[in-house]
Amino acid sequence: AGATGRTGKLVVEELLNRDVQVVAMVRSTERAKEMLTNLTQTKLDIRQCDLTNADAISKAIQGCDAVVWCATGFSDAPSTGIVEKFKRLLGIALAPKQS
């Protein structure tokens, strides 16, 4: 996820250079087409996905062997901390420390 960002684009490029089939999850396919135009398209599958919706993410990654998460912005909720966003997104429940 996050294939059009600085890190994500580098990850996509490296995987394609290694002849790996890549599913690029993006918020905007239009932006992805602009950002990833110079990449070999035969091994690249661009999928639009709401990166804050667990069901949409689950659907988008069906058939994938592994996932590399590169999205960090989450510009739709700038006041929420990154840890809280990941907890919500991935359904991670962290138990409070017991004294």
C-alpha atoms as a PDB file:
ATOM      1  CA  ALA A   1       0.000   0.000   0.000  1.00  0.00           C
ATOM      2  CA  GLY A   2       1.211   3.483  -0.713  1.00  0.00           C
ATOM      3  CA  ALA A   3       2.756   2.715  -4.108  1.00  0.00           C
ATOM      4  CA  THR A   4       2.757   6.340  -5.294  1.00  0.00           C
ATOM      5  CA  GLY A   5       4.674   7.776  -2.342  1.00  0.00           C
ATOM      6  CA  ARG A   6       8.439   8.283  -2.161  1.00  0.00           C
ATOM      7  CA  THR A   7       9.157   4.956  -0.470  1.00  0.00           C
ATOM      8  CA  GLY A   8       6.374   3.022  -2.165  1.00  0.00           C
ATOM      9  CA  LYS A   9       7.521   3.965  -5.649  1.00  0.00           C
ATOM     10  CA  LEU A  10      11.049   2.766  -4.835  1.00  0.00           C
ATOM     11  CA  VAL A  11       9.687  -0.516  -3.473  1.00  0.00           C
ATOM     12  CA  VAL A  12       7.555  -1.051  -6.598  1.00  0.00           C
ATOM     13  CA  GLU A  13      10.537  -0.284  -8.848  1.00  0.00           C
ATOM     14  CA  GLU A  14      12.810  -2.701  -6.979  1.00  0.00           C
ATOM     15  CA  LEU A  15      10.271  -5.525  -7.023  1.00  0.00           C
ATOM     16  CA  LEU A  16       9.674  -5.059 -10.736  1.00  0.00           C
ATOM     17  CA  ASN A  17      13.453  -5.032 -11.323  1.00  0.00           C
ATOM     18  CA  ARG A  18      13.521  -8.424  -9.567  1.00  0.00           C
ATOM     19  CA  ASP A  19      10.796  -9.682 -11.926  1.00  0.00           C
ATOM     20  CA  VAL A  20       8.187  -9.906  -9.148  1.00  0.00           C
ATOM     21  CA  GLN A  21       4.478  -9.527  -9.929  1.00  0.00           C
ATOM     22  CA  VAL A  22       3.347  -6.382  -8.062  1.00  0.00           C
ATOM     23  CA  VAL A  23      -0.109  -5.334  -6.916  1.00  0.00           C
ATOM     24  CA  ALA A  24       0.110  -1.610  -6.202  1.00  0.00           C
ATOM     25  CA  MET A  25      -2.612  -0.398  -3.859  1.00  0.00           C
ATOM     26  CA  VAL A  26      -3.277   3.297  -4.319  1.00  0.00           C
ATOM     27  CA  ARG A  27      -5.818   5.904  -3.332  1.00  0.00           C
ATOM     28  CA  SER A  28      -5.940   7.299  -6.864  1.00  0.00           C
ATOM     29  CA  THR A  29      -5.396   5.313 -10.046  1.00  0.00           C
ATOM     30  CA  GLU A  30      -4.991   8.591 -11.957  1.00  0.00           C
ATOM     31  CA  ARG A  31      -2.070   9.627  -9.740  1.00  0.00           C
ATOM     32  CA  ALA A  32      -0.620   6.115  -9.954  1.00  0.00           C
ATOM     33  CA  LYS A  33      -0.660   6.201 -13.738  1.00  0.00           C
ATOM     34  CA  GLU A  34       1.192   9.537 -13.639  1.00  0.00           C
ATOM     35  CA  MET A  35       3.713   8.421 -11.002  1.00  0.00           C
ATOM     36  CA  LEU A  36       4.355   4.903 -12.300  1.00  0.00           C
ATOM     37  CA  THR A  37       4.295   5.517 -16.061  1.00  0.00           C
ATOM     38  CA  ASN A  38       7.944   4.632 -16.637  1.00  0.00           C
ATOM     39  CA  LEU A  39       7.621   1.217 -14.986  1.00  0.00           C
ATOM     40  CA  THR A  40       7.154  -2.069 -16.808  1.00  0.00           C
ATOM     41  CA  GLN A  41       3.407  -2.563 -16.858  1.00  0.00           C
ATOM     42  CA  THR A  42       3.291  -6.296 -17.599  1.00  0.00           C
ATOM     43  CA  LYS A  43       4.043  -7.223 -13.978  1.00  0.00           C
ATOM     44  CA  LEU A  44       2.225  -4.277 -12.395  1.00  0.00           C
ATOM     45  CA  ASP A  45      -1.412  -4.425 -11.293  1.00  0.00           C
ATOM     46  CA  ILE A  46      -2.638  -1.055  -9.973  1.00  0.00           C
ATOM     47  CA  ARG A  47      -5.651  -1.329  -7.649  1.00  0.00           C
ATOM     48  CA  GLN A  48      -7.534   1.621  -6.198  1.00  0.00           C
ATOM     49  CA  CYS A  49      -8.272   1.087  -2.532  1.00  0.00           C
ATOM     50  CA  ASP A  50      -9.512   3.036   0.474  1.00  0.00           C
ATOM     51  CA  LEU A  51      -6.475   2.546   2.709  1.00  0.00           C
ATOM     52  CA  THR A  52      -8.535   3.297   5.825  1.00  0.00           C
ATOM     53  CA  ASN A  53     -11.077   0.530   5.149  1.00  0.00           C
ATOM     54  CA  ALA A  54     -10.052  -2.948   6.344  1.00  0.00           C
ATOM     55  CA  ASP A  55     -12.616  -4.694   4.100  1.00  0.00           C
ATOM     56  CA  ALA A  56     -11.396  -2.813   1.024  1.00  0.00           C
ATOM     57  CA  ILE A  57      -7.790  -3.696   1.851  1.00  0.00           C
ATOM     58  CA  SER A  58      -8.659  -7.366   2.377  1.00  0.00           C
ATOM     59  CA  LYS A  59     -10.367  -7.433  -1.005  1.00  0.00           C
ATOM     60  CA  ALA A  60      -7.489  -5.639  -2.742  1.00  0.00           C
ATOM     61  CA  ILE A  61      -4.836  -8.049  -1.449  1.00  0.00           C
ATOM     62  CA  GLN A  62      -6.682 -11.249  -2.291  1.00  0.00           C
ATOM     63  CA  GLY A  63      -4.320 -13.581  -4.115  1.00  0.00           C
ATOM     64  CA  CYS A  64      -1.180 -11.850  -2.839  1.00  0.00           C
ATOM     65  CA  ASP A  65       1.586 -13.849  -1.169  1.00  0.00           C
ATOM     66  CA  ALA A  66       2.965 -10.891   0.795  1.00  0.00           C
ATOM     67  CA  VAL A  67       2.188  -7.250   1.544  1.00  0.00           C
ATOM     68  CA  VAL A  68       4.607  -4.336   1.921  1.00  0.00           C
ATOM     69  CA  TRP A  69       2.907  -1.362   3.581  1.00  0.00           C
ATOM     70  CA  CYS A  70       4.430   1.970   2.531  1.00  0.00           C
ATOM     71  CA  ALA A  71       1.478   4.332   3.125  1.00  0.00           C
ATOM     72  CA  THR A  72       2.153   6.748   5.959  1.00  0.00           C
ATOM     73  CA  GLY A  73       0.239   9.929   5.189  1.00  0.00           C
ATOM     74  CA  PHE A  74      -3.387   9.094   5.872  1.00  0.00           C
ATOM     75  CA  SER A  75      -4.242  12.663   4.946  1.00  0.00           C
ATOM     76  CA  ASP A  76      -7.931  12.032   5.591  1.00  0.00           C
ATOM     77  CA  ALA A  77      -7.404  12.137   9.380  1.00  0.00           C
ATOM     78  CA  PRO A  78      -4.411  14.379  10.091  1.00  0.00           C
ATOM     79  CA  SER A  79      -5.158  14.804  13.802  1.00  0.00           C
ATOM     80  CA  THR A  80      -5.064  11.060  14.536  1.00  0.00           C
ATOM     81  CA  GLY A  81      -1.672   9.593  15.431  1.00  0.00           C
ATOM     82  CA  ILE A  82      -0.062   7.003  13.160  1.00  0.00           C
ATOM     83  CA  VAL A  83      -0.176   4.226  15.797  1.00  0.00           C
ATOM     84  CA  GLU A  84      -3.911   4.747  16.326  1.00  0.00           C
ATOM     85  CA  LYS A  85      -4.471   4.683  12.559  1.00  0.00           C
ATOM     86  CA  PHE A  86      -2.652   1.381  12.220  1.00  0.00           C
ATOM     87  CA  LYS A  87      -4.505  -0.104  15.193  1.00  0.00           C
ATOM     88  CA  ARG A  88      -7.831   0.808  13.593  1.00  0.00           C
ATOM     89  CA  LEU A  89      -6.777  -0.261  10.127  1.00  0.00           C
ATOM     90  CA  LEU A  90      -5.339  -3.628  11.039  1.00  0.00           C
ATOM     91  CA  GLY A  91      -7.602  -4.419  13.968  1.00  0.00           C
ATOM     92  CA  ILE A  92      -4.690  -4.587  16.360  1.00  0.00           C
ATOM     93  CA  ALA A  93      -5.771  -4.556  19.964  1.00  0.00           C
ATOM     94  CA  LEU A  94      -2.924  -3.769  22.306  1.00  0.00           C
ATOM     95  CA  ALA A  95      -3.631  -4.648  25.894  1.00  0.00           C
ATOM     96  CA  PRO A  96      -2.605  -2.001  28.430  1.00  0.00           C
ATOM     97  CA  LYS A  97       0.422  -2.824  30.544  1.00  0.00           C
ATOM     98  CA  GLN A  98      -0.459  -4.449  33.831  1.00  0.00           C
ATOM     99  CA  SER A  99       1.188  -2.885  36.888  1.00  0.00           C
END
